[in-house]
Protein backbone atom coordinates (compact mmCIF):
# COMPACT_ATOMS: atom_id res chain seq x y z
CA MET A 1 0.00 0.00 0.00
CA ALA A 2 1.29 3.46 -0.89
CA ALA A 3 2.28 5.95 1.78
CA GLN A 4 -0.22 8.75 2.26
CA VAL A 5 0.20 12.52 2.31
CA GLY A 6 1.31 13.40 5.83
CA THR A 7 3.68 10.43 6.15
CA THR A 8 6.99 11.37 7.78
CA ALA A 9 10.53 10.05 7.38
CA ARG A 10 13.83 11.02 8.99
CA THR A 11 17.16 11.84 7.38
CA GLY A 12 18.94 8.57 6.60
CA GLU A 13 15.77 6.49 6.20
CA ARG A 14 14.62 5.12 2.85
CA CYS A 15 11.91 7.21 1.21
CA PRO A 16 8.62 5.29 1.52
CA GLU A 17 6.87 6.99 -1.43
CA SER A 18 7.83 9.22 -4.37
CA GLY A 19 6.56 12.76 -4.11
CA VAL A 20 7.23 16.25 -2.83
CA TRP A 21 8.55 16.26 0.73
CA GLU A 22 8.78 19.22 3.13
CA VAL A 23 11.07 19.69 6.12
CA VAL A 24 9.11 19.84 9.39
CA GLY A 25 10.17 22.96 11.31
CA THR A 26 11.98 26.19 10.56
CA PRO A 27 13.73 26.90 8.27
CA THR A 28 11.86 24.69 5.87
CA THR A 29 12.18 23.64 2.26
CA THR A 30 10.60 21.21 -0.16
CA ALA A 31 12.23 18.61 -2.38
CA PRO A 32 11.11 15.94 -4.83
CA ILE A 33 12.35 12.60 -3.49
CA ALA A 34 11.89 9.22 -5.18
CA LYS A 35 10.79 6.06 -3.39
CA GLY A 36 13.78 4.07 -2.15
CA ASN A 37 16.18 7.03 -2.06
CA VAL A 38 17.79 7.97 1.25
CA MET A 39 16.12 10.96 2.89
CA PRO A 40 18.67 13.80 2.83
CA PRO A 41 19.81 16.18 5.55
CA TYR A 42 18.88 19.86 5.36
CA ASN A 43 21.34 22.61 6.32
CA ASN A 44 23.77 19.81 7.27
CA GLN A 45 21.37 18.56 9.96
CA ALA A 46 19.20 15.49 10.36
CA VAL A 47 15.55 16.50 9.93
CA THR A 48 12.08 15.04 9.68
CA TRP A 49 10.48 15.19 6.24
CA ARG A 50 6.69 15.15 5.65
CA LEU A 51 5.11 14.02 2.39
CA ILE A 52 2.96 16.89 1.05
CA ARG A 53 2.18 15.68 -2.50
CA LEU A 54 2.35 12.29 -4.20
CA ALA A 55 4.28 12.01 -7.45
């Protein structure tokens, strides 16, 4: 079953679903990340990403 909008993943985890992901917190950014890729850091820090739009 596909991950739903609102799913979260941490830096270093495998992306559970392709889509547009947003950093939770401030400062924030968005990034397109493909399923299976490793979730990246942001500003050289481990962060939590939230899926905001499915690909």
